[in-house]
Amino acid sequence: MWLRNPFTRLSKNEREDLQISTDMYNGDPRSKENLINTGFYFVRSSNKTISLFETWYDEKDNSTGKKEQDVLLDLIRNGIIEKLEIRVRFLDTLYFSGFCQDSKDFRAVTTVHANCCRSINAKVADMKVALSDWKRFKRLQPNSTLNIPQWTKHDWCQKSWGKT
């Protein structure tokens, strides 16, 4: 869900080939240890990124039981970034939030992704709750620093994994 224009939070550096959201952000925009999320990414078209997508989709089509996100994560961890000389920026969940790791600042967040859910019903239910949280925040006075709301716990998503 786009709350604000996310493009203002992307790097303007034209040497960045791929900017990708994360499920869990470790504080380092270059660290391959960030757990990627393919819900939001920005790609500069080039021979390098075309090769990445060709490899990614070939692998995806020949992988049984893996989602495309898992295939890309495997490729990254196995050195495709270095092999193709791709410059990747992993996006901070402060701005590109998700249910795995909520943004800590309503004033900064641009997108919310319904990740870490097993079912579409859980995603929709918790996304409605997140939208309600956002609307509550937007009703505050513009310069208010008091009572900034917190994200509501993503109960539907947790329950979708069999957790209570």
C-alpha atoms as a PDB file:
ATOM      1  CA  MET A   1       0.000   0.000   0.000  1.00  0.00           C
ATOM      2  CA  TRP A   2       1.464   3.324  -1.030  1.00  0.00           C
ATOM      3  CA  LEU A   3       0.971   5.966   1.659  1.00  0.00           C
ATOM      4  CA  ARG A   4       3.204   8.544   0.015  1.00  0.00           C
ATOM      5  CA  ASN A   5       5.290   8.788  -3.132  1.00  0.00           C
ATOM      6  CA  PRO A   6       8.030   6.169  -2.548  1.00  0.00           C
ATOM      7  CA  PHE A   7      10.218   7.483  -5.360  1.00  0.00           C
ATOM      8  CA  THR A   8      11.324  10.394  -3.164  1.00  0.00           C
ATOM      9  CA  ARG A   9      13.000   7.823  -0.873  1.00  0.00           C
ATOM     10  CA  LEU A  10      14.898   6.024  -3.623  1.00  0.00           C
ATOM     11  CA  SER A  11      18.526   6.803  -4.282  1.00  0.00           C
ATOM     12  CA  LYS A  12      19.075   9.236  -7.145  1.00  0.00           C
ATOM     13  CA  ASN A  13      22.478   7.651  -7.760  1.00  0.00           C
ATOM     14  CA  GLU A  14      22.398   6.437 -11.365  1.00  0.00           C
ATOM     15  CA  ARG A  15      24.972   3.748 -10.528  1.00  0.00           C
ATOM     16  CA  GLU A  16      22.346   1.932  -8.435  1.00  0.00           C
ATOM     17  CA  ASP A  17      21.100  -0.946 -10.590  1.00  0.00           C
ATOM     18  CA  LEU A  18      18.534  -2.444  -8.216  1.00  0.00           C
ATOM     19  CA  GLN A  19      16.802  -1.021  -5.160  1.00  0.00           C
ATOM     20  CA  ILE A  20      14.716  -3.605  -3.329  1.00  0.00           C
ATOM     21  CA  SER A  21      12.518  -3.696  -0.250  1.00  0.00           C
ATOM     22  CA  THR A  22      13.342  -5.943   2.677  1.00  0.00           C
ATOM     23  CA  ASP A  23      11.438  -8.079   5.142  1.00  0.00           C
ATOM     24  CA  MET A  24      14.086  -7.385   7.765  1.00  0.00           C
ATOM     25  CA  TYR A  25      16.530  -4.479   7.401  1.00  0.00           C
ATOM     26  CA  ASN A  26      19.829  -4.684   9.301  1.00  0.00           C
ATOM     27  CA  GLY A  27      20.837  -1.020   8.950  1.00  0.00           C
ATOM     28  CA  ASP A  28      23.270  -1.489   6.054  1.00  0.00           C
ATOM     29  CA  PRO A  29      21.886  -0.674   2.591  1.00  0.00           C
ATOM     30  CA  ARG A  30      24.656  -2.781   0.960  1.00  0.00           C
ATOM     31  CA  SER A  31      24.451  -5.881   3.146  1.00  0.00           C
ATOM     32  CA  LYS A  32      23.376  -9.061   1.402  1.00  0.00           C
ATOM     33  CA  GLU A  33      22.278 -10.255   4.845  1.00  0.00           C
ATOM     34  CA  ASN A  34      19.163  -8.091   4.531  1.00  0.00           C
ATOM     35  CA  LEU A  35      16.194 -10.365   3.929  1.00  0.00           C
ATOM     36  CA  ILE A  36      14.765  -9.189   0.590  1.00  0.00           C
ATOM     37  CA  ASN A  37      11.138  -8.706  -0.324  1.00  0.00           C
ATOM     38  CA  THR A  38      10.135  -8.557  -3.978  1.00  0.00           C
ATOM     39  CA  GLY A  39       6.965  -6.621  -3.164  1.00  0.00           C
ATOM     40  CA  PHE A  40       8.673  -3.371  -4.173  1.00  0.00           C
ATOM     41  CA  TYR A  41      11.769  -2.887  -6.258  1.00  0.00           C
ATOM     42  CA  PHE A  42      13.173  -0.336  -8.669  1.00  0.00           C
ATOM     43  CA  VAL A  43      15.417  -1.507 -11.508  1.00  0.00           C
ATOM     44  CA  ARG A  44      17.471   0.486 -13.977  1.00  0.00           C
ATOM     45  CA  SER A  45      17.353  -1.330 -17.277  1.00  0.00           C
ATOM     46  CA  SER A  46      20.765  -2.381 -18.519  1.00  0.00           C
ATOM     47  CA  ASN A  47      22.427  -5.479 -19.902  1.00  0.00           C
ATOM     48  CA  LYS A  48      23.374  -6.398 -16.317  1.00  0.00           C
ATOM     49  CA  THR A  49      19.840  -6.181 -14.950  1.00  0.00           C
ATOM     50  CA  ILE A  50      18.384  -7.905 -18.007  1.00  0.00           C
ATOM     51  CA  SER A  51      20.813 -10.776 -17.356  1.00  0.00           C
ATOM     52  CA  LEU A  52      19.735 -10.815 -13.717  1.00  0.00           C
ATOM     53  CA  PHE A  53      16.055 -11.099 -14.641  1.00  0.00           C
ATOM     54  CA  GLU A  54      16.714 -13.739 -17.295  1.00  0.00           C
ATOM     55  CA  THR A  55      18.695 -15.827 -14.800  1.00  0.00           C
ATOM     56  CA  TRP A  56      16.145 -15.230 -12.046  1.00  0.00           C
ATOM     57  CA  TYR A  57      13.174 -16.295 -14.146  1.00  0.00           C
ATOM     58  CA  ASP A  58      14.994 -19.284 -15.644  1.00  0.00           C
ATOM     59  CA  GLU A  59      15.815 -20.432 -12.108  1.00  0.00           C
ATOM     60  CA  LYS A  60      12.275 -19.699 -10.900  1.00  0.00           C
ATOM     61  CA  ASP A  61      10.738 -21.695 -13.720  1.00  0.00           C
ATOM     62  CA  ASN A  62      13.006 -24.640 -12.897  1.00  0.00           C
ATOM     63  CA  SER A  63      12.625 -24.516  -9.099  1.00  0.00           C
ATOM     64  CA  THR A  64      10.017 -26.685  -7.477  1.00  0.00           C
ATOM     65  CA  GLY A  65       8.405 -25.411  -4.312  1.00  0.00           C
ATOM     66  CA  LYS A  66      10.157 -22.031  -4.265  1.00  0.00           C
ATOM     67  CA  LYS A  67       8.598 -18.614  -4.689  1.00  0.00           C
ATOM     68  CA  GLU A  68      10.325 -16.112  -6.962  1.00  0.00           C
ATOM     69  CA  GLN A  69      11.502 -14.155  -3.907  1.00  0.00           C
ATOM     70  CA  ASP A  70      13.260 -17.224  -2.492  1.00  0.00           C
ATOM     71  CA  VAL A  71      14.936 -17.880  -5.838  1.00  0.00           C
ATOM     72  CA  LEU A  72      16.257 -14.314  -6.045  1.00  0.00           C
ATOM     73  CA  LEU A  73      17.491 -14.466  -2.449  1.00  0.00           C
ATOM     74  CA  ASP A  74      19.365 -17.691  -3.271  1.00  0.00           C
ATOM     75  CA  LEU A  75      20.897 -16.077  -6.352  1.00  0.00           C
ATOM     76  CA  ILE A  76      22.025 -13.055  -4.318  1.00  0.00           C
ATOM     77  CA  ARG A  77      23.506 -15.209  -1.566  1.00  0.00           C
ATOM     78  CA  ASN A  78      25.277 -17.344  -4.204  1.00  0.00           C
ATOM     79  CA  GLY A  79      27.053 -14.380  -5.789  1.00  0.00           C
ATOM     80  CA  ILE A  80      24.984 -13.210  -8.771  1.00  0.00           C
ATOM     81  CA  ILE A  81      25.399  -9.569  -7.708  1.00  0.00           C
ATOM     82  CA  GLU A  82      29.175  -9.840  -7.875  1.00  0.00           C
ATOM     83  CA  LYS A  83      29.146 -11.979 -11.004  1.00  0.00           C
ATOM     84  CA  LEU A  84      27.025  -9.454 -12.945  1.00  0.00           C
ATOM     85  CA  GLU A  85      28.613  -6.449 -11.177  1.00  0.00           C
ATOM     86  CA  ILE A  86      25.193  -5.180 -10.091  1.00  0.00           C
ATOM     87  CA  ARG A  87      25.003  -2.434  -7.515  1.00  0.00           C
ATOM     88  CA  VAL A  88      22.130  -3.198  -5.121  1.00  0.00           C
ATOM     89  CA  ARG A  89      20.620  -0.983  -2.446  1.00  0.00           C
ATOM     90  CA  PHE A  90      18.469  -2.723   0.142  1.00  0.00           C
ATOM     91  CA  LEU A  91      15.659  -0.426   1.258  1.00  0.00           C
ATOM     92  CA  ASP A  92      15.143   0.561   4.887  1.00  0.00           C
ATOM     93  CA  THR A  93      11.907  -0.610   6.514  1.00  0.00           C
ATOM     94  CA  LEU A  94      11.682   2.833   8.119  1.00  0.00           C
ATOM     95  CA  TYR A  95      10.453   4.020   4.706  1.00  0.00           C
ATOM     96  CA  PHE A  96       9.418   0.741   3.027  1.00  0.00           C
ATOM     97  CA  SER A  97       7.570  -0.929   5.868  1.00  0.00           C
ATOM     98  CA  GLY A  98       6.044  -4.350   6.089  1.00  0.00           C
ATOM     99  CA  PHE A  99       4.392  -6.657   8.554  1.00  0.00           C
ATOM    100  CA  CYS A 100       7.691  -8.455   9.240  1.00  0.00           C
ATOM    101  CA  GLN A 101       9.308  -5.241  10.465  1.00  0.00           C
ATOM    102  CA  ASP A 102       7.084  -2.183  10.929  1.00  0.00           C
ATOM    103  CA  SER A 103       8.370   1.298  10.237  1.00  0.00           C
ATOM    104  CA  LYS A 104       9.161   3.017  13.501  1.00  0.00           C
ATOM    105  CA  ASP A 105       8.028   6.423  12.213  1.00  0.00           C
ATOM    106  CA  PHE A 106       4.647   7.270  10.703  1.00  0.00           C
ATOM    107  CA  ARG A 107       6.173  10.560   9.545  1.00  0.00           C
ATOM    108  CA  ALA A 108       8.711   8.731   7.354  1.00  0.00           C
ATOM    109  CA  VAL A 109       6.936   5.619   6.037  1.00  0.00           C
ATOM    110  CA  THR A 110       6.022   5.605   2.342  1.00  0.00           C
ATOM    111  CA  THR A 111       4.796   2.051   1.687  1.00  0.00           C
ATOM    112  CA  VAL A 112       3.438  -0.852   3.721  1.00  0.00           C
ATOM    113  CA  HIS A 113       3.710  -4.403   2.435  1.00  0.00           C
ATOM    114  CA  ALA A 114       1.574  -7.288   3.720  1.00  0.00           C
ATOM    115  CA  ASN A 115       4.523  -9.639   4.051  1.00  0.00           C
ATOM    116  CA  CYS A 116       4.977 -12.390   6.643  1.00  0.00           C
ATOM    117  CA  CYS A 117       1.435 -13.661   6.083  1.00  0.00           C
ATOM    118  CA  ARG A 118       0.396 -17.068   4.794  1.00  0.00           C
ATOM    119  CA  SER A 119      -3.014 -16.234   3.377  1.00  0.00           C
ATOM    120  CA  ILE A 120      -4.544 -13.531   1.254  1.00  0.00           C
ATOM    121  CA  ASN A 121      -7.375 -13.196   3.784  1.00  0.00           C
ATOM    122  CA  ALA A 122      -4.893 -12.449   6.558  1.00  0.00           C
ATOM    123  CA  LYS A 123      -3.056  -9.953   4.343  1.00  0.00           C
ATOM    124  CA  VAL A 124      -6.270  -8.101   3.489  1.00  0.00           C
ATOM    125  CA  ALA A 125      -7.509  -8.067   7.093  1.00  0.00           C
ATOM    126  CA  ASP A 126      -4.248  -6.723   8.517  1.00  0.00           C
ATOM    127  CA  MET A 127      -3.817  -4.277   5.638  1.00  0.00           C
ATOM    128  CA  LYS A 128      -7.224  -2.809   6.525  1.00  0.00           C
ATOM    129  CA  VAL A 129      -6.011  -2.418  10.100  1.00  0.00           C
ATOM    130  CA  ALA A 130      -2.799  -0.739   8.875  1.00  0.00           C
ATOM    131  CA  LEU A 131      -4.858   1.642   6.748  1.00  0.00           C
ATOM    132  CA  SER A 132      -6.945   2.489   9.810  1.00  0.00           C
ATOM    133  CA  ASP A 133      -3.710   3.177  11.761  1.00  0.00           C
ATOM    134  CA  TRP A 134      -2.553   5.446   8.923  1.00  0.00           C
ATOM    135  CA  LYS A 135      -5.849   7.364   8.886  1.00  0.00           C
ATOM    136  CA  ARG A 136      -5.628   7.828  12.667  1.00  0.00           C
ATOM    137  CA  PHE A 137      -2.119   9.252  12.211  1.00  0.00           C
ATOM    138  CA  LYS A 138      -3.224  11.558   9.379  1.00  0.00           C
ATOM    139  CA  ARG A 139      -5.975  13.069  11.597  1.00  0.00           C
ATOM    140  CA  LEU A 140      -3.319  14.437  13.971  1.00  0.00           C
ATOM    141  CA  GLN A 141      -2.369  18.094  13.798  1.00  0.00           C
ATOM    142  CA  PRO A 142       0.423  18.597  11.220  1.00  0.00           C
ATOM    143  CA  ASN A 143       3.194  19.462  13.709  1.00  0.00           C
ATOM    144  CA  SER A 144       1.975  17.291  16.567  1.00  0.00           C
ATOM    145  CA  THR A 145       4.592  15.218  18.334  1.00  0.00           C
ATOM    146  CA  LEU A 146       2.184  14.003  20.994  1.00  0.00           C
ATOM    147  CA  ASN A 147       0.408  10.687  20.802  1.00  0.00           C
ATOM    148  CA  ILE A 148       1.961   9.504  17.543  1.00  0.00           C
ATOM    149  CA  PRO A 149       0.184   6.172  17.067  1.00  0.00           C
ATOM    150  CA  GLN A 150       1.895   2.804  16.895  1.00  0.00           C
ATOM    151  CA  TRP A 151       1.090   0.148  14.340  1.00  0.00           C
ATOM    152  CA  THR A 152      -1.526  -2.290  15.545  1.00  0.00           C
ATOM    153  CA  LYS A 153      -0.222  -5.825  16.015  1.00  0.00           C
ATOM    154  CA  HIS A 154      -0.706  -7.904  12.850  1.00  0.00           C
ATOM    155  CA  ASP A 155      -2.894 -10.531  14.508  1.00  0.00           C
ATOM    156  CA  TRP A 156      -4.397 -11.959  11.346  1.00  0.00           C
ATOM    157  CA  CYS A 157      -0.985 -12.586   9.830  1.00  0.00           C
ATOM    158  CA  GLN A 158       0.319 -14.172  13.017  1.00  0.00           C
ATOM    159  CA  LYS A 159      -2.716 -16.442  13.181  1.00  0.00           C
ATOM    160  CA  SER A 160      -2.218 -17.412   9.534  1.00  0.00           C
ATOM    161  CA  TRP A 161       1.000 -19.158  10.618  1.00  0.00           C
ATOM    162  CA  GLY A 162      -0.802 -21.020  13.370  1.00  0.00           C
ATOM    163  CA  LYS A 163       0.528 -18.640  16.046  1.00  0.00           C
ATOM    164  CA  THR A 164      -1.838 -17.116  18.591  1.00  0.00           C
END
